[in-house]
Amino acid sequence: MERSLLQRIEAFLKESAMPPSVFGRAAVHDPRLVSDLRGGREPGRQLICRVEHFMNKWRADRHAGRVVPEGDRRARAARHPDVGVRA
């Protein structure tokens, strides 16, 4: 049985360590996408294609070494405390 779009997105969020709002904004310019899908929103064919394209492109870029898991900006700040500090 084929997994739903929401199930594929949830797996991608774990894989990429990307917050849901960042994913929605990056994929389709809608930070509420994931929460809406969790709430029962039915995606159309065009939305599904755009989301799938974003996930496939991100995975290809990661495989090629062009991106790393994004994660939460608070977690990044904890790992790299000097990021964002101006001299």
N, C-alpha and C. Protein backbone atom coordinates (compact mmCIF):
# COMPACT_ATOMS: atom_id res chain seq x y z
N MET A 1 0.83 -1.18 0.00
CA MET A 1 0.00 0.00 0.00
C MET A 1 0.88 1.25 0.00
N GLU A 2 0.55 2.18 -0.82
CA GLU A 2 1.33 3.41 -0.94
C GLU A 2 1.10 4.31 0.27
N ARG A 3 2.18 4.91 0.74
CA ARG A 3 2.07 5.81 1.88
C ARG A 3 1.45 7.13 1.44
N SER A 4 0.76 7.78 2.36
CA SER A 4 0.14 9.06 2.05
C SER A 4 1.22 10.15 1.98
N LEU A 5 0.84 11.28 1.42
CA LEU A 5 1.77 12.40 1.35
C LEU A 5 2.23 12.79 2.74
N LEU A 6 1.33 12.84 3.70
CA LEU A 6 1.70 13.21 5.06
C LEU A 6 2.71 12.23 5.65
N GLN A 7 2.53 10.95 5.41
CA GLN A 7 3.49 9.97 5.91
C GLN A 7 4.86 10.16 5.29
N ARG A 8 4.90 10.47 4.00
CA ARG A 8 6.18 10.72 3.32
C ARG A 8 6.83 11.99 3.85
N ILE A 9 6.02 13.01 4.13
CA ILE A 9 6.56 14.26 4.68
C ILE A 9 7.11 14.02 6.08
N GLU A 10 6.37 13.28 6.90
CA GLU A 10 6.83 13.01 8.27
C GLU A 10 8.17 12.28 8.24
N ALA A 11 8.33 11.30 7.35
CA ALA A 11 9.61 10.60 7.22
C ALA A 11 10.71 11.56 6.77
N PHE A 12 10.38 12.46 5.85
CA PHE A 12 11.36 13.43 5.37
C PHE A 12 11.78 14.38 6.49
N LEU A 13 10.82 14.81 7.32
CA LEU A 13 11.15 15.71 8.42
C LEU A 13 12.13 15.07 9.39
N LYS A 14 11.96 13.79 9.66
CA LYS A 14 12.92 13.08 10.52
C LYS A 14 14.28 12.98 9.85
N GLU A 15 14.26 12.62 8.58
CA GLU A 15 15.50 12.45 7.83
C GLU A 15 16.29 13.75 7.74
N SER A 16 15.61 14.85 7.51
CA SER A 16 16.28 16.12 7.28
C SER A 16 16.45 16.94 8.55
N ALA A 17 15.81 16.55 9.64
CA ALA A 17 15.82 17.32 10.89
C ALA A 17 15.31 18.74 10.65
N MET A 18 14.34 18.85 9.76
CA MET A 18 13.78 20.15 9.37
C MET A 18 12.46 20.36 10.11
N PRO A 19 12.28 21.51 10.74
CA PRO A 19 10.99 21.78 11.38
C PRO A 19 9.87 21.86 10.35
N PRO A 20 8.65 21.49 10.74
CA PRO A 20 7.53 21.47 9.78
C PRO A 20 7.27 22.81 9.11
N SER A 21 7.37 23.91 9.85
CA SER A 21 7.09 25.21 9.24
C SER A 21 8.16 25.59 8.23
N VAL A 22 9.41 25.23 8.50
CA VAL A 22 10.49 25.51 7.55
C VAL A 22 10.29 24.69 6.28
N PHE A 23 9.88 23.43 6.47
CA PHE A 23 9.61 22.57 5.32
C PHE A 23 8.52 23.16 4.44
N GLY A 24 7.40 23.51 5.04
CA GLY A 24 6.28 24.05 4.27
C GLY A 24 6.65 25.32 3.54
N ARG A 25 7.39 26.19 4.21
CA ARG A 25 7.79 27.45 3.59
C ARG A 25 8.75 27.20 2.42
N ALA A 26 9.69 26.28 2.61
CA ALA A 26 10.67 25.99 1.56
C ALA A 26 10.04 25.25 0.38
N ALA A 27 9.13 24.34 0.67
CA ALA A 27 8.56 23.50 -0.39
C ALA A 27 7.49 24.22 -1.20
N VAL A 28 6.57 24.91 -0.52
CA VAL A 28 5.43 25.49 -1.24
C VAL A 28 5.04 26.88 -0.73
N HIS A 29 5.94 27.53 -0.01
CA HIS A 29 5.69 28.88 0.51
C HIS A 29 4.47 28.92 1.43
N ASP A 30 4.28 27.85 2.22
CA ASP A 30 3.14 27.77 3.15
C ASP A 30 3.63 27.16 4.46
N PRO A 31 3.96 28.00 5.44
CA PRO A 31 4.49 27.46 6.70
C PRO A 31 3.48 26.59 7.47
N ARG A 32 2.20 26.67 7.15
CA ARG A 32 1.18 25.88 7.83
C ARG A 32 0.86 24.56 7.11
N LEU A 33 1.57 24.26 6.05
CA LEU A 33 1.27 23.08 5.24
C LEU A 33 1.17 21.81 6.08
N VAL A 34 2.20 21.52 6.84
CA VAL A 34 2.23 20.25 7.58
C VAL A 34 1.13 20.22 8.64
N SER A 35 0.95 21.31 9.35
CA SER A 35 -0.10 21.32 10.38
C SER A 35 -1.48 21.19 9.74
N ASP A 36 -1.67 21.80 8.58
CA ASP A 36 -2.95 21.66 7.88
C ASP A 36 -3.18 20.22 7.42
N LEU A 37 -2.13 19.57 6.90
CA LEU A 37 -2.25 18.18 6.47
C LEU A 37 -2.55 17.28 7.67
N ARG A 38 -1.89 17.56 8.79
CA ARG A 38 -2.15 16.79 10.01
C ARG A 38 -3.60 16.98 10.46
N GLY A 39 -4.14 18.14 10.17
CA GLY A 39 -5.53 18.44 10.55
C GLY A 39 -6.57 17.96 9.55
N GLY A 40 -6.13 17.31 8.47
CA GLY A 40 -7.09 16.74 7.54
C GLY A 40 -7.15 17.40 6.17
N ARG A 41 -6.33 18.38 5.89
CA ARG A 41 -6.32 19.02 4.57
C ARG A 41 -6.03 17.99 3.50
N GLU A 42 -6.80 18.02 2.43
CA GLU A 42 -6.59 17.12 1.30
C GLU A 42 -5.77 17.84 0.23
N PRO A 43 -4.56 17.36 -0.06
CA PRO A 43 -3.73 18.04 -1.06
C PRO A 43 -4.18 17.71 -2.47
N GLY A 44 -4.04 18.68 -3.35
CA GLY A 44 -4.31 18.47 -4.76
C GLY A 44 -3.10 17.90 -5.47
N ARG A 45 -3.29 17.55 -6.70
CA ARG A 45 -2.20 16.94 -7.48
C ARG A 45 -1.01 17.88 -7.63
N GLN A 46 -1.26 19.16 -7.89
CA GLN A 46 -0.17 20.11 -8.07
C GLN A 46 0.64 20.27 -6.78
N LEU A 47 -0.04 20.34 -5.64
CA LEU A 47 0.66 20.46 -4.36
C LEU A 47 1.51 19.22 -4.10
N ILE A 48 0.96 18.05 -4.37
CA ILE A 48 1.71 16.81 -4.17
C ILE A 48 2.97 16.81 -5.02
N CYS A 49 2.84 17.23 -6.27
CA CYS A 49 3.99 17.26 -7.18
C CYS A 49 5.06 18.24 -6.69
N ARG A 50 4.64 19.41 -6.23
CA ARG A 50 5.60 20.40 -5.74
C ARG A 50 6.33 19.90 -4.50
N VAL A 51 5.61 19.27 -3.58
CA VAL A 51 6.22 18.75 -2.36
C VAL A 51 7.18 17.61 -2.69
N GLU A 52 6.74 16.68 -3.54
CA GLU A 52 7.61 15.56 -3.93
C GLU A 52 8.87 16.06 -4.63
N HIS A 53 8.72 17.06 -5.50
CA HIS A 53 9.88 17.62 -6.19
C HIS A 53 10.86 18.22 -5.19
N PHE A 54 10.35 18.97 -4.21
CA PHE A 54 11.22 19.57 -3.21
C PHE A 54 11.99 18.50 -2.43
N MET A 55 11.29 17.45 -1.99
CA MET A 55 11.96 16.41 -1.21
C MET A 55 12.99 15.66 -2.05
N ASN A 56 12.65 15.36 -3.30
CA ASN A 56 13.60 14.66 -4.17
C ASN A 56 14.82 15.52 -4.48
N LYS A 57 14.61 16.80 -4.72
CA LYS A 57 15.73 17.70 -4.99
C LYS A 57 16.62 17.84 -3.76
N TRP A 58 16.01 17.96 -2.58
CA TRP A 58 16.78 18.09 -1.35
C TRP A 58 17.64 16.85 -1.13
N ARG A 59 17.05 15.68 -1.35
CA ARG A 59 17.80 14.43 -1.18
C ARG A 59 18.94 14.32 -2.18
N ALA A 60 18.69 14.71 -3.42
CA ALA A 60 19.75 14.67 -4.44
C ALA A 60 20.87 15.65 -4.08
N ASP A 61 20.50 16.84 -3.63
CA ASP A 61 21.52 17.82 -3.22
C ASP A 61 22.30 17.32 -2.02
N ARG A 62 21.63 16.69 -1.07
CA ARG A 62 22.33 16.16 0.10
C ARG A 62 23.28 15.05 -0.31
N HIS A 63 22.81 14.17 -1.20
CA HIS A 63 23.66 13.07 -1.68
C HIS A 63 24.91 13.63 -2.38
N ALA A 64 24.75 14.74 -3.06
CA ALA A 64 25.88 15.37 -3.77
C ALA A 64 26.73 16.23 -2.84
N GLY A 65 26.32 16.35 -1.57
CA GLY A 65 27.10 17.12 -0.61
C GLY A 65 26.83 18.61 -0.62
N ARG A 66 25.72 19.02 -1.24
CA ARG A 66 25.41 20.45 -1.32
C ARG A 66 24.57 20.97 -0.16
N VAL A 67 23.96 20.07 0.62
CA VAL A 67 23.19 20.49 1.79
C VAL A 67 23.45 19.53 2.94
N VAL A 68 23.21 20.00 4.12
CA VAL A 68 23.28 19.18 5.32
C VAL A 68 21.93 19.30 6.01
N PRO A 69 21.60 18.38 6.92
CA PRO A 69 20.34 18.52 7.63
C PRO A 69 20.24 19.89 8.28
N GLU A 70 19.10 20.53 8.09
CA GLU A 70 18.93 21.91 8.52
C GLU A 70 18.71 22.01 10.02
N GLY A 71 17.77 21.26 10.53
CA GLY A 71 17.49 21.30 11.95
C GLY A 71 16.87 22.61 12.40
N ASP A 72 16.64 22.69 13.67
CA ASP A 72 16.05 23.86 14.28
C ASP A 72 17.13 24.92 14.49
N ARG A 73 16.82 26.18 14.23
CA ARG A 73 17.83 27.23 14.34
C ARG A 73 18.34 27.35 15.77
N ARG A 74 17.52 27.00 16.77
CA ARG A 74 18.00 27.04 18.16
C ARG A 74 19.05 25.98 18.38
N ALA A 75 18.87 24.80 17.78
CA ALA A 75 19.85 23.73 17.92
C ALA A 75 21.14 24.11 17.20
N ARG A 76 21.02 24.73 16.04
CA ARG A 76 22.22 25.18 15.31
C ARG A 76 22.98 26.21 16.12
N ALA A 77 22.26 27.12 16.77
CA ALA A 77 22.90 28.15 17.58
C ALA A 77 23.64 27.53 18.76
N ALA A 78 23.09 26.47 19.32
CA ALA A 78 23.74 25.80 20.44
C ALA A 78 25.02 25.10 19.98
N ARG A 79 24.99 24.53 18.76
CA ARG A 79 26.18 23.85 18.23
C ARG A 79 27.24 24.84 17.78
N HIS A 80 26.82 26.01 17.30
CA HIS A 80 27.72 27.02 16.76
C HIS A 80 27.40 28.37 17.40
N PRO A 81 27.84 28.58 18.63
CA PRO A 81 27.44 29.81 19.33
C PRO A 81 27.95 31.10 18.69
N ASP A 82 28.99 31.02 17.87
CA ASP A 82 29.54 32.23 17.25
C ASP A 82 28.79 32.63 15.97
N VAL A 83 27.89 31.77 15.49
CA VAL A 83 27.12 32.08 14.28
C VAL A 83 26.13 33.20 14.60
N GLY A 84 26.14 34.21 13.78
CA GLY A 84 25.22 35.33 13.97
C GLY A 84 25.79 36.43 14.84
N VAL A 85 26.98 36.21 15.43
CA VAL A 85 27.59 37.24 16.26
C VAL A 85 28.39 38.16 15.37
N ARG A 86 28.12 39.43 15.51
CA ARG A 86 28.83 40.41 14.67
C ARG A 86 29.92 41.08 15.48
N ALA A 87 31.04 41.33 14.84
CA ALA A 87 32.19 41.94 15.53
C ALA A 87 32.04 43.44 15.58
